[in-house]
N, C-alpha and C. Protein backbone atom coordinates (compact mmCIF):
# COMPACT_ATOMS: atom_id res chain seq x y z
N MET A 1 0.60 -0.62 -0.31
CA MET A 1 -0.12 0.04 0.29
C MET A 1 0.73 1.54 -0.14
N SER A 2 0.18 2.07 -0.64
CA SER A 2 1.56 3.40 -1.17
C SER A 2 0.54 4.45 -0.54
N VAL A 3 1.61 5.46 0.11
CA VAL A 3 1.51 6.38 1.64
C VAL A 3 1.99 7.66 1.09
N SER A 4 1.23 8.59 0.82
CA SER A 4 1.22 10.03 1.38
C SER A 4 0.48 10.77 1.79
N LEU A 5 1.13 11.63 2.42
CA LEU A 5 0.31 12.57 3.41
C LEU A 5 0.30 14.08 2.88
N PHE A 6 -0.76 14.52 3.25
CA PHE A 6 -1.11 15.99 3.48
C PHE A 6 -1.33 16.52 4.44
N ILE A 7 -1.62 18.42 4.53
CA ILE A 7 -1.74 18.86 6.00
C ILE A 7 -3.69 19.29 5.61
N SER A 8 -4.31 19.02 6.47
CA SER A 8 -5.75 19.38 6.46
C SER A 8 -5.84 20.50 7.13
N PHE A 9 -7.18 21.72 7.14
CA PHE A 9 -6.71 22.64 7.83
C PHE A 9 -8.69 22.29 8.10
N ASN A 10 -9.02 21.46 7.76
CA ASN A 10 -10.32 20.92 8.41
C ASN A 10 -10.57 21.36 9.43
N PHE A 11 -10.84 22.14 10.21
CA PHE A 11 -11.49 21.64 11.38
C PHE A 11 -12.74 22.13 11.80
N LEU A 12 -13.53 21.80 11.45
CA LEU A 12 -15.02 21.64 12.03
C LEU A 12 -15.82 20.17 10.81
N SER A 13 -16.02 19.89 12.22
CA SER A 13 -16.25 18.24 12.24
C SER A 13 -17.38 17.42 12.90
N ALA A 14 -18.83 17.22 13.02
CA ALA A 14 -19.70 17.21 13.47
C ALA A 14 -19.46 16.08 14.17
N ALA A 15 -18.87 14.77 14.05
CA ALA A 15 -18.48 13.77 14.89
C ALA A 15 -17.28 13.88 15.48
N CYS A 16 -16.62 15.41 14.71
CA CYS A 16 -15.00 15.17 15.76
C CYS A 16 -14.89 14.45 17.36
N MET A 17 -14.75 14.07 17.73
CA MET A 17 -14.44 13.17 19.33
C MET A 17 -13.45 13.57 19.89
N GLY A 18 -12.68 14.32 19.81
CA GLY A 18 -10.71 14.15 19.83
C GLY A 18 -9.50 15.04 18.51
N TRP A 19 -8.98 15.04 19.60
CA TRP A 19 -7.94 15.06 18.43
C TRP A 19 -6.97 14.49 17.13
N GLY A 20 -6.38 14.56 16.22
CA GLY A 20 -6.04 14.16 15.22
C GLY A 20 -6.56 13.76 14.21
N PRO A 21 -6.10 12.34 13.46
CA PRO A 21 -6.25 12.41 12.35
C PRO A 21 -8.18 11.76 11.21
N GLN A 22 -8.69 11.12 12.45
CA GLN A 22 -9.44 10.90 12.53
C GLN A 22 -10.78 12.31 12.59
N CYS A 23 -10.33 13.16 12.80
CA CYS A 23 -11.20 14.44 12.71
C CYS A 23 -11.46 15.61 12.97
N GLY A 24 -9.98 15.20 11.19
CA GLY A 24 -9.55 16.28 10.62
C GLY A 24 -8.73 17.04 10.97
N LEU A 25 -8.46 17.15 12.28
CA LEU A 25 -7.09 18.05 12.95
C LEU A 25 -6.22 17.55 12.41
N GLY A 26 -4.60 18.17 11.67
CA GLY A 26 -3.56 17.88 11.42
C GLY A 26 -3.32 17.19 10.03
N VAL A 27 -2.24 16.37 10.53
CA VAL A 27 -1.62 15.22 9.05
C VAL A 27 -3.16 13.60 8.83
N GLU A 28 -2.73 14.41 7.53
CA GLU A 28 -4.55 12.95 7.38
C GLU A 28 -3.92 12.45 6.48
N GLU A 29 -4.32 11.32 5.68
CA GLU A 29 -3.11 10.15 5.25
C GLU A 29 -3.92 10.15 3.78
N VAL A 30 -3.43 10.03 2.24
CA VAL A 30 -4.14 9.85 1.48
C VAL A 30 -3.07 8.06 0.91
N TYR A 31 -4.53 7.45 1.12
CA TYR A 31 -3.87 5.76 1.24
C TYR A 31 -4.26 5.69 -0.68
N SER A 32 -3.97 4.00 -0.83
CA SER A 32 -4.25 3.48 -2.99
C SER A 32 -4.41 2.23 -2.14
N GLU A 33 -5.53 1.97 -2.41
CA GLU A 33 -6.04 -0.53 -3.44
C GLU A 33 -5.51 -0.55 -3.57
N SER A 34 -4.43 -1.35 -3.83
CA SER A 34 -4.34 -2.17 -5.12
C SER A 34 -5.17 -2.98 -5.11
N MET A 35 -5.44 -3.51 -6.22
CA MET A 35 -6.34 -5.11 -6.85
C MET A 35 -5.28 -6.24 -6.08
N ASN A 36 -4.52 -5.36 -6.50
CA ASN A 36 -3.16 -6.90 -4.64
C ASN A 36 -3.52 -6.98 -3.35
N ASP A 37 -4.28 -6.06 -2.72
CA ASP A 37 -4.78 -5.97 -1.20
C ASP A 37 -5.46 -7.17 -1.28
N THR A 38 -5.22 -8.07 0.17
CA THR A 38 -6.40 -9.32 0.07
C THR A 38 -6.77 -9.18 1.25
N LYS A 39 -6.74 -7.89 2.07
CA LYS A 39 -6.91 -8.18 3.72
C LYS A 39 -8.71 -8.29 3.49
N VAL A 40 -9.50 -8.33 5.08
CA VAL A 40 -10.61 -7.99 5.03
C VAL A 40 -10.31 -7.10 6.33
N GLU A 41 -11.60 -6.24 5.52
CA GLU A 41 -11.19 -4.55 6.14
C GLU A 41 -12.73 -4.79 7.32
N SER A 42 -12.11 -4.23 7.81
CA SER A 42 -13.68 -4.28 9.22
C SER A 42 -14.43 -2.67 8.66
N VAL A 43 -15.31 -1.67 8.50
CA VAL A 43 -15.70 -0.86 7.25
C VAL A 43 -15.95 -0.23 9.86
N TRP A 44 -15.73 -0.70 10.80
CA TRP A 44 -15.94 -0.10 12.13
C TRP A 44 -14.32 0.49 12.89
N GLU A 45 -13.33 0.18 11.22
CA GLU A 45 -11.96 0.37 10.86
C GLU A 45 -12.05 2.30 10.19
N TYR A 46 -12.90 2.54 10.03
CA TYR A 46 -12.96 3.51 8.43
C TYR A 46 -13.65 4.96 8.85
N PRO A 47 -13.30 5.43 8.95
CA PRO A 47 -12.44 7.10 9.20
C PRO A 47 -13.37 7.94 9.66
N ARG A 48 -14.04 8.87 9.95
CA ARG A 48 -14.84 9.75 9.92
C ARG A 48 -14.38 10.85 10.45
N PRO A 49 -13.89 12.09 10.07
CA PRO A 49 -14.64 12.19 8.38
C PRO A 49 -14.18 10.92 7.55
N PRO A 50 -14.58 11.01 6.64
CA PRO A 50 -14.19 9.46 5.58
C PRO A 50 -13.23 9.81 4.93
N ARG A 51 -12.24 9.17 4.40
CA ARG A 51 -11.05 9.07 3.71
C ARG A 51 -10.84 8.62 2.71
N MET A 52 -10.38 9.28 2.14
CA MET A 52 -10.57 8.98 0.40
C MET A 52 -8.86 8.80 -0.42
N GLU A 53 -9.59 6.99 -1.35
CA GLU A 53 -8.46 7.10 -1.14
C GLU A 53 -8.39 5.86 -3.94
N GLU A 54 -6.69 6.38 -4.10
CA GLU A 54 -7.03 6.00 -4.91
C GLU A 54 -7.29 4.37 -5.44
N SER A 55 -8.13 3.86 -6.51
CA SER A 55 -8.72 2.31 -6.41
C SER A 55 -7.96 1.86 -7.92
N ASP A 56 -6.84 0.12 -7.49
CA ASP A 56 -7.06 0.16 -9.18
C ASP A 56 -7.32 -1.22 -9.32
N ARG A 57 -8.63 -1.97 -8.16
CA ARG A 57 -9.66 -2.13 -8.75
C ARG A 57 -10.24 -2.31 -9.70
N ARG A 58 -10.89 -3.53 -10.32
CA ARG A 58 -11.66 -3.22 -11.90
C ARG A 58 -13.12 -3.00 -11.33
N LEU A 59 -13.14 -2.14 -11.58
CA LEU A 59 -15.13 -2.31 -11.30
C LEU A 59 -15.91 -2.38 -12.45
N THR A 60 -17.44 -2.72 -12.74
CA THR A 60 -17.89 -3.21 -13.86
C THR A 60 -19.03 -2.69 -13.35
N ILE A 61 -20.44 -2.46 -13.93
CA ILE A 61 -21.77 -1.50 -14.29
C ILE A 61 -22.19 -2.56 -15.51
N ILE A 62 -23.51 -3.13 -14.87
CA ILE A 62 -24.18 -3.02 -16.62
C ILE A 62 -25.48 -3.52 -16.15
N HIS A 63 -25.49 -2.90 -16.96
CA HIS A 63 -27.37 -2.79 -16.89
C HIS A 63 -27.92 -3.08 -18.32
N ALA A 64 -28.89 -3.76 -18.14
CA ALA A 64 -30.27 -3.95 -19.11
C ALA A 64 -28.85 -4.93 -20.67
N GLY A 65 -28.24 -5.27 -19.92
CA GLY A 65 -27.24 -6.43 -21.40
C GLY A 65 -26.13 -4.52 -21.67
N VAL A 66 -25.82 -3.63 -21.02
CA VAL A 66 -25.11 -2.81 -21.55
C VAL A 66 -24.42 -2.35 -20.23
N THR A 67 -23.62 -2.31 -20.94
CA THR A 67 -21.70 -2.14 -19.97
C THR A 67 -21.94 -0.56 -19.58
N ILE A 68 -22.14 -0.25 -18.43
CA ILE A 68 -22.22 1.38 -18.10
C ILE A 68 -20.86 2.21 -17.85
N ALA A 69 -20.18 1.17 -16.99
CA ALA A 69 -19.17 1.21 -16.75
C ALA A 69 -17.98 0.77 -16.43
N ASP A 70 -16.00 0.67 -16.58
CA ASP A 70 -14.92 -0.36 -16.77
C ASP A 70 -14.33 0.02 -16.31
N THR A 71 -13.51 0.36 -14.93
CA THR A 71 -12.51 0.95 -15.28
C THR A 71 -11.79 0.34 -13.94
N ALA A 72 -10.16 0.81 -13.79
CA ALA A 72 -9.83 0.63 -13.05
C ALA A 72 -8.72 1.59 -12.39
N ARG A 73 -9.45 2.74 -12.13
CA ARG A 73 -9.20 4.17 -12.00
C ARG A 73 -10.01 5.15 -11.15
N ALA A 74 -10.90 4.09 -10.07
CA ALA A 74 -11.63 4.70 -9.32
C ALA A 74 -11.18 5.45 -7.90
N MET A 75 -12.41 6.53 -7.31
CA MET A 75 -11.70 6.47 -5.97
C MET A 75 -12.08 5.77 -4.93
N ARG A 76 -11.87 5.78 -3.53
CA ARG A 76 -12.84 5.03 -3.03
C ARG A 76 -12.94 5.51 -2.27
N ILE A 77 -14.66 6.36 -0.99
CA ILE A 77 -14.73 6.72 -0.18
C ILE A 77 -15.05 5.27 1.10
N LEU A 78 -14.08 6.09 2.12
CA LEU A 78 -14.51 4.71 3.35
C LEU A 78 -14.61 5.51 4.63
N GLU A 79 -15.81 5.57 5.33
CA GLU A 79 -16.19 5.72 6.61
C GLU A 79 -16.91 4.73 7.11
N THR A 80 -16.44 5.15 8.50
CA THR A 80 -16.68 4.93 9.82
C THR A 80 -18.70 3.41 9.43
N SER A 81 -18.17 3.01 9.38
CA SER A 81 -19.59 1.43 9.55
C SER A 81 -20.56 1.73 7.61
N HIS A 82 -19.83 1.82 7.05
CA HIS A 82 -20.76 1.71 5.54
C HIS A 82 -19.38 1.19 4.60
N PRO A 83 -19.84 0.49 3.70
CA PRO A 83 -18.80 -0.03 2.90
C PRO A 83 -18.34 0.82 2.07
N PRO A 84 -17.32 0.49 1.42
CA PRO A 84 -16.89 1.32 0.22
C PRO A 84 -17.62 2.10 -0.63
N VAL A 85 -17.83 3.34 -0.71
CA VAL A 85 -18.23 3.88 -2.06
C VAL A 85 -17.29 4.61 -3.02
N TYR A 86 -17.73 3.56 -4.43
CA TYR A 86 -16.48 3.50 -5.44
C TYR A 86 -17.15 4.98 -6.38
N TYR A 87 -16.14 5.97 -6.32
CA TYR A 87 -16.63 7.15 -7.50
C TYR A 87 -15.81 6.59 -8.73
N ILE A 88 -16.56 6.38 -10.16
CA ILE A 88 -15.86 6.36 -10.98
C ILE A 88 -15.56 7.97 -12.05
N PRO A 89 -14.93 7.39 -12.82
CA PRO A 89 -14.18 8.96 -13.77
C PRO A 89 -15.30 9.01 -14.87
N GLN A 90 -16.12 9.83 -15.07
CA GLN A 90 -16.52 10.41 -16.70
C GLN A 90 -16.15 9.20 -17.75
N THR A 91 -14.93 9.70 -17.50
CA THR A 91 -14.09 9.05 -18.95
C THR A 91 -14.11 7.38 -19.28
N ASP A 92 -14.72 6.87 -17.95
CA ASP A 92 -14.68 5.71 -18.19
C ASP A 92 -16.12 5.08 -17.83
N ILE A 93 -17.04 6.37 -18.05
CA ILE A 93 -18.52 5.88 -17.95
C ILE A 93 -18.99 5.62 -19.57
N ALA A 94 -20.28 5.36 -19.84
CA ALA A 94 -20.65 4.96 -20.93
C ALA A 94 -21.66 6.42 -20.92
N MET A 95 -21.48 7.75 -21.15
CA MET A 95 -22.08 9.02 -20.90
C MET A 95 -22.91 9.14 -21.81
N GLU A 96 -23.51 8.65 -22.31
CA GLU A 96 -24.59 8.38 -23.32
C GLU A 96 -26.04 7.62 -23.03
N TYR A 97 -25.96 6.96 -22.55
CA TYR A 97 -26.60 6.28 -21.14
C TYR A 97 -27.09 6.87 -20.17
N VAL A 98 -26.09 7.87 -19.56
CA VAL A 98 -26.65 8.56 -18.11
C VAL A 98 -26.59 9.68 -17.90
N LYS A 99 -27.97 10.35 -17.50
CA LYS A 99 -28.45 12.02 -17.96
C LYS A 99 -28.53 12.61 -16.20
N GLY A 100 -28.72 13.69 -16.61
CA GLY A 100 -28.98 14.45 -15.28
C GLY A 100 -30.51 14.26 -14.70
N SER A 101 -30.47 13.86 -13.29
CA SER A 101 -32.47 13.87 -13.25
C SER A 101 -32.87 14.88 -12.21
N SER A 102 -33.98 14.86 -12.37
CA SER A 102 -34.66 15.94 -11.83
C SER A 102 -34.69 15.80 -10.27
N ARG A 103 -33.82 14.92 -9.96
CA ARG A 103 -34.16 15.41 -8.04
C ARG A 103 -33.00 16.32 -7.45
N ARG A 104 -34.47 16.79 -6.66
CA ARG A 104 -33.19 17.63 -6.00
C ARG A 104 -31.94 17.75 -5.17
N GLY A 105 -31.05 18.16 -5.76
CA GLY A 105 -29.64 17.49 -4.91
C GLY A 105 -29.56 17.50 -3.39
N SER A 106 -28.77 15.97 -2.68
CA SER A 106 -28.76 16.50 -1.24
C SER A 106 -26.99 17.23 -0.99
N PHE A 107 -27.79 17.29 0.51
CA PHE A 107 -25.79 17.88 1.00
C PHE A 107 -24.87 16.68 1.69
N CYS A 108 -23.61 17.00 2.03
CA CYS A 108 -22.82 16.02 2.92
C CYS A 108 -21.81 17.33 3.19
N GLU A 109 -21.91 16.57 4.82
CA GLU A 109 -21.76 18.24 5.61
C GLU A 109 -19.52 17.93 5.22
N TYR A 110 -19.29 16.21 4.11
CA TYR A 110 -18.10 16.34 3.74
C TYR A 110 -17.43 17.02 2.32
N LYS A 111 -18.38 15.82 1.36
CA LYS A 111 -18.40 16.59 0.53
C LYS A 111 -18.94 17.76 -0.24
N GLY A 112 -20.24 18.16 0.13
CA GLY A 112 -21.14 19.76 -0.48
C GLY A 112 -22.03 18.58 -0.57
N ILE A 113 -22.18 19.22 -2.49
CA ILE A 113 -23.72 19.12 -2.61
C ILE A 113 -23.77 18.63 -4.00
N ALA A 114 -24.46 17.05 -3.61
CA ALA A 114 -24.51 15.80 -4.61
C ALA A 114 -25.11 16.40 -4.96
N SER A 115 -25.31 16.20 -7.23
CA SER A 115 -26.69 15.84 -8.14
C SER A 115 -26.67 14.21 -8.55
N TYR A 116 -27.83 14.36 -9.26
CA TYR A 116 -27.57 12.45 -9.57
C TYR A 116 -28.16 12.76 -10.77
N TRP A 117 -27.24 11.38 -11.00
CA TRP A 117 -28.26 10.87 -12.53
C TRP A 117 -29.09 9.85 -11.93
N SER A 118 -29.50 9.59 -13.95
CA SER A 118 -30.11 8.61 -14.15
C SER A 118 -30.03 7.87 -15.74
N LEU A 119 -29.84 7.08 -15.84
CA LEU A 119 -30.10 5.97 -16.78
C LEU A 119 -30.76 5.57 -17.74
N ASP A 120 -30.59 6.41 -19.14
CA ASP A 120 -31.79 5.18 -19.91
C ASP A 120 -30.57 5.02 -20.97
N ILE A 121 -31.73 3.83 -21.19
CA ILE A 121 -31.35 2.27 -22.59
C ILE A 121 -32.42 2.26 -22.86
N GLY A 122 -32.87 2.54 -24.34
CA GLY A 122 -33.25 2.31 -25.04
C GLY A 122 -34.98 2.48 -24.61
N GLY A 123 -34.76 4.30 -24.23
CA GLY A 123 -36.22 4.58 -23.49
C GLY A 123 -36.25 3.75 -21.76
N LYS A 124 -36.24 3.44 -21.98
CA LYS A 124 -35.95 2.52 -20.19
C LYS A 124 -35.20 3.35 -19.27
N ARG A 125 -35.84 4.16 -18.41
CA ARG A 125 -34.90 4.61 -17.61
C ARG A 125 -35.08 4.67 -16.14
N VAL A 126 -33.75 4.52 -15.17
CA VAL A 126 -34.34 4.48 -14.26
C VAL A 126 -33.50 5.44 -13.41
N ASP A 127 -33.85 6.09 -12.33
CA ASP A 127 -33.77 7.51 -12.18
C ASP A 127 -32.87 7.35 -10.96
N ASP A 128 -32.25 8.12 -10.48
CA ASP A 128 -31.08 8.80 -9.37
C ASP A 128 -30.90 7.04 -9.27
N VAL A 129 -29.98 6.65 -10.27
CA VAL A 129 -28.43 5.67 -10.51
C VAL A 129 -27.47 5.71 -9.65
N ALA A 130 -27.45 7.40 -9.28
CA ALA A 130 -25.43 7.16 -9.62
C ALA A 130 -25.85 8.66 -8.67
N TRP A 131 -24.75 9.38 -8.00
CA TRP A 131 -24.97 10.96 -7.92
C TRP A 131 -23.03 11.18 -7.99
N SER A 132 -23.28 12.84 -8.03
CA SER A 132 -21.83 12.86 -7.98
C SER A 132 -21.27 14.34 -7.72
N TYR A 133 -20.49 15.16 -7.45
CA TYR A 133 -20.39 16.43 -6.69
C TYR A 133 -19.44 17.32 -7.80
N ALA A 134 -20.36 18.56 -8.21
CA ALA A 134 -20.11 19.30 -9.23
C ALA A 134 -18.85 19.83 -8.90
N GLN A 135 -18.77 19.82 -8.04
CA GLN A 135 -18.35 21.68 -6.46
C GLN A 135 -17.57 21.07 -5.79
N PRO A 136 -17.22 19.44 -5.40
CA PRO A 136 -16.35 18.52 -4.33
C PRO A 136 -15.76 19.84 -3.93
N SER A 137 -15.57 19.62 -1.68
CA SER A 137 -15.26 20.54 -0.93
C SER A 137 -13.53 20.77 -1.14
N ALA A 138 -13.16 21.45 -0.70
CA ALA A 138 -11.15 21.19 -1.29
C ALA A 138 -10.80 20.18 -0.56
N SER A 139 -12.03 19.08 0.29
CA SER A 139 -10.72 17.43 0.52
C SER A 139 -10.50 16.96 -0.40
N TYR A 140 -11.86 17.16 -1.21
CA TYR A 140 -12.78 15.99 -1.58
C TYR A 140 -12.94 16.20 -3.57
N ALA A 141 -11.30 17.22 -3.43
CA ALA A 141 -11.94 17.87 -5.16
C ALA A 141 -11.49 16.70 -6.24
N ALA A 142 -10.79 15.52 -5.69
CA ALA A 142 -10.64 14.99 -7.05
C ALA A 142 -11.84 14.05 -7.59
N LEU A 143 -12.81 14.21 -6.42
CA LEU A 143 -14.24 13.32 -6.99
C LEU A 143 -14.98 14.69 -7.74
N LYS A 144 -14.31 15.86 -8.18
CA LYS A 144 -14.56 15.90 -9.97
C LYS A 144 -14.99 15.00 -10.90
N ASP A 145 -15.57 15.40 -11.35
CA ASP A 145 -15.99 14.28 -13.15
C ASP A 145 -15.84 13.06 -12.91
N TYR A 146 -16.38 12.13 -11.02
CA TYR A 146 -17.17 11.58 -11.36
C TYR A 146 -17.74 10.77 -10.18
N LEU A 147 -18.80 10.31 -10.59
CA LEU A 147 -19.63 9.04 -10.07
C LEU A 147 -19.91 7.88 -10.04
N ALA A 148 -20.91 8.04 -8.84
CA ALA A 148 -20.93 7.06 -7.87
C ALA A 148 -22.09 5.97 -7.95
N PHE A 149 -22.65 4.80 -7.46
CA PHE A 149 -23.92 3.99 -8.38
C PHE A 149 -23.73 3.31 -7.41
N TYR A 150 -25.68 3.94 -7.55
CA TYR A 150 -26.17 3.07 -6.14
C TYR A 150 -26.43 0.97 -6.63
N ALA A 151 -25.45 0.24 -6.42
CA ALA A 151 -25.95 -1.24 -6.87
C ALA A 151 -26.74 -2.05 -6.32
N ASN A 152 -28.13 -1.12 -5.78
CA ASN A 152 -29.49 -2.07 -5.83
C ASN A 152 -30.44 -1.12 -6.85
N ARG A 153 -29.56 -0.36 -7.62
CA ARG A 153 -30.72 0.11 -8.60
C ARG A 153 -29.83 0.04 -10.43
N VAL A 154 -29.38 -1.43 -10.22
CA VAL A 154 -28.60 -1.97 -11.92
C VAL A 154 -28.66 -2.96 -11.13
N ASP A 155 -27.60 -3.88 -12.24
CA ASP A 155 -28.59 -5.56 -12.79
C ASP A 155 -27.40 -5.62 -11.93
N THR A 156 -26.09 -5.48 -12.40
CA THR A 156 -24.74 -5.90 -11.97
C THR A 156 -23.62 -4.75 -11.47
N CYS A 157 -22.82 -4.78 -10.51
CA CYS A 157 -21.86 -3.96 -10.16
C CYS A 157 -20.83 -4.95 -9.88
N THR A 158 -19.17 -5.18 -10.14
CA THR A 158 -18.46 -6.10 -10.21
C THR A 158 -17.46 -4.79 -9.41
N VAL A 159 -16.50 -6.11 -8.65
CA VAL A 159 -14.79 -5.40 -7.96
C VAL A 159 -13.92 -6.39 -8.39
N ASP A 160 -13.15 -6.47 -8.99
CA ASP A 160 -12.58 -7.33 -9.16
C ASP A 160 -13.51 -8.04 -9.44
N GLY A 161 -14.55 -8.59 -10.50
CA GLY A 161 -14.78 -9.58 -10.81
C GLY A 161 -15.96 -10.43 -10.06
N GLU A 162 -16.27 -9.33 -8.41
CA GLU A 162 -16.97 -10.51 -7.63
C GLU A 162 -17.97 -9.10 -7.94
N VAL A 163 -19.65 -10.10 -7.78
CA VAL A 163 -20.36 -9.05 -7.63
C VAL A 163 -21.08 -8.57 -6.11
N VAL A 164 -21.16 -7.50 -6.38
CA VAL A 164 -21.14 -6.46 -5.65
C VAL A 164 -22.79 -6.92 -4.42
N VAL A 165 -22.39 -7.12 -3.60
CA VAL A 165 -24.03 -6.79 -2.73
C VAL A 165 -24.30 -5.19 -2.57
N PRO A 166 -25.82 -4.85 -2.27
CA PRO A 166 -26.12 -3.07 -2.07
C PRO A 166 -25.55 -2.93 -0.62
N GLN A 167 -24.91 -2.33 -0.03
CA GLN A 167 -25.66 -1.41 0.98
C GLN A 167 -27.14 -1.87 1.17
N PRO A 168 -27.32 -2.12 2.50
CA PRO A 168 -29.12 -2.33 2.94
C PRO A 168 -28.91 -0.35 3.15
N GLY A 169 -30.71 -0.44 2.52
CA GLY A 169 -31.41 1.15 2.82
C GLY A 169 -31.30 1.33 1.11
N ASP A 170 -32.09 2.62 1.72
CA ASP A 170 -32.19 2.65 0.02
C ASP A 170 -31.31 4.20 -0.05
N PHE A 171 -30.48 5.00 1.16
CA PHE A 171 -30.95 5.70 1.04
C PHE A 171 -28.37 6.25 0.57
N TYR A 172 -28.19 4.91 1.07
CA TYR A 172 -26.60 5.39 1.32
C TYR A 172 -26.11 3.77 -0.32
N GLY A 173 -25.02 4.51 0.13
CA GLY A 173 -24.29 3.53 -1.48
C GLY A 173 -23.32 2.99 -1.90
N GLY A 174 -22.61 2.04 0.02
CA GLY A 174 -21.61 1.54 -0.51
C GLY A 174 -21.73 0.13 -1.19
N TRP A 175 -20.16 -0.79 -1.26
CA TRP A 175 -20.74 -1.96 -2.25
C TRP A 175 -20.08 -2.67 -0.97
N ILE A 176 -21.26 -3.90 -0.96
CA ILE A 176 -20.22 -4.70 0.37
C ILE A 176 -19.91 -6.11 -1.33
N THR A 177 -18.19 -6.98 -0.53
CA THR A 177 -17.15 -7.67 -1.13
C THR A 177 -16.92 -8.65 -0.36
N SER A 178 -16.42 -8.84 -0.12
CA SER A 178 -16.02 -10.08 0.52
C SER A 178 -14.81 -9.70 0.82
N HIS A 179 -14.04 -8.45 0.91
CA HIS A 179 -13.25 -8.25 1.57
C HIS A 179 -13.30 -6.62 2.59
N VAL A 180 -14.54 -6.89 3.13
CA VAL A 180 -15.40 -6.37 3.41
C VAL A 180 -15.88 -6.91 5.31
N LYS A 181 -16.29 -5.91 5.98
CA LYS A 181 -16.78 -6.53 7.06
C LYS A 181 -17.57 -6.00 7.95
N GLY A 182 -18.91 -5.91 7.94
CA GLY A 182 -19.38 -5.08 9.17
C GLY A 182 -19.80 -5.38 10.30
N PRO A 183 -21.27 -5.42 11.04
CA PRO A 183 -21.67 -4.93 10.87
C PRO A 183 -22.61 -3.35 9.76
N PHE A 184 -23.12 -3.33 8.71
CA PHE A 184 -23.07 -2.16 7.98
C PHE A 184 -24.65 -1.40 8.01
N LYS A 185 -23.87 0.54 8.38
CA LYS A 185 -25.66 1.09 8.78
C LYS A 185 -25.81 0.75 7.62
N GLY A 186 -27.48 1.22 7.69
CA GLY A 186 -28.35 1.39 6.87
C GLY A 186 -29.23 0.81 6.78
N ALA A 187 -29.85 -0.78 7.20
CA ALA A 187 -30.23 -1.47 7.48
C ALA A 187 -31.64 -0.61 9.41
N PRO A 188 -33.01 -0.98 8.55
CA PRO A 188 -33.97 -0.31 10.09
C PRO A 188 -33.26 -0.72 11.41
N GLY A 189 -33.22 0.38 11.63
CA GLY A 189 -32.52 0.23 13.23
C GLY A 189 -30.62 0.98 12.97
N THR A 190 -30.14 1.18 12.19
CA THR A 190 -28.56 1.85 12.50
C THR A 190 -29.09 3.29 12.00
N LEU A 191 -29.82 3.55 11.00
CA LEU A 191 -29.70 4.87 11.21
C LEU A 191 -29.32 5.94 12.41
N GLY A 192 -29.27 5.79 13.19
CA GLY A 192 -28.93 6.31 14.07
C GLY A 192 -27.35 6.16 14.89
N TRP A 193 -26.62 4.90 13.92
CA TRP A 193 -25.70 4.67 14.90
C TRP A 193 -24.72 5.89 14.41
């Protein structure tokens, strides 16, 4: 795993419980996930605020027999109690099928205002299948021009050929694989975690 460091001046965090990188004060680490990593990660060891890292794992998204995305250049967000959320560069997405949604944007205290995207394949529409940050906060600027997809709104998502299990619930968009263990936020009774 390669590691580089940068200084963060993010002094505001509603979830901050102390000093140090876990609450956005001081030095944060930027990691890179490699397809050669085989360890199982506990989502309870992920930080809050979330950590962003590059991933060279091969991700695919297929819907209605059409490959919507295929990349080994994703970013992933890791946040306490959530499976990883993968953000895919638009250059690796078949954007001719992806259209802006009429859904009102939502706000993330860390990343900023999210916009939503729908799929239209041969006149068959799937609303709000993905989201993005057109103007992400400075700490997550690398997410500009990347989209994250809800695994439960498309036919198949894979990570290195493994079919993803969607994060429970209909709000969060994490991808569960054999490389992560929970319990995961999203199921009934977990929203207060």
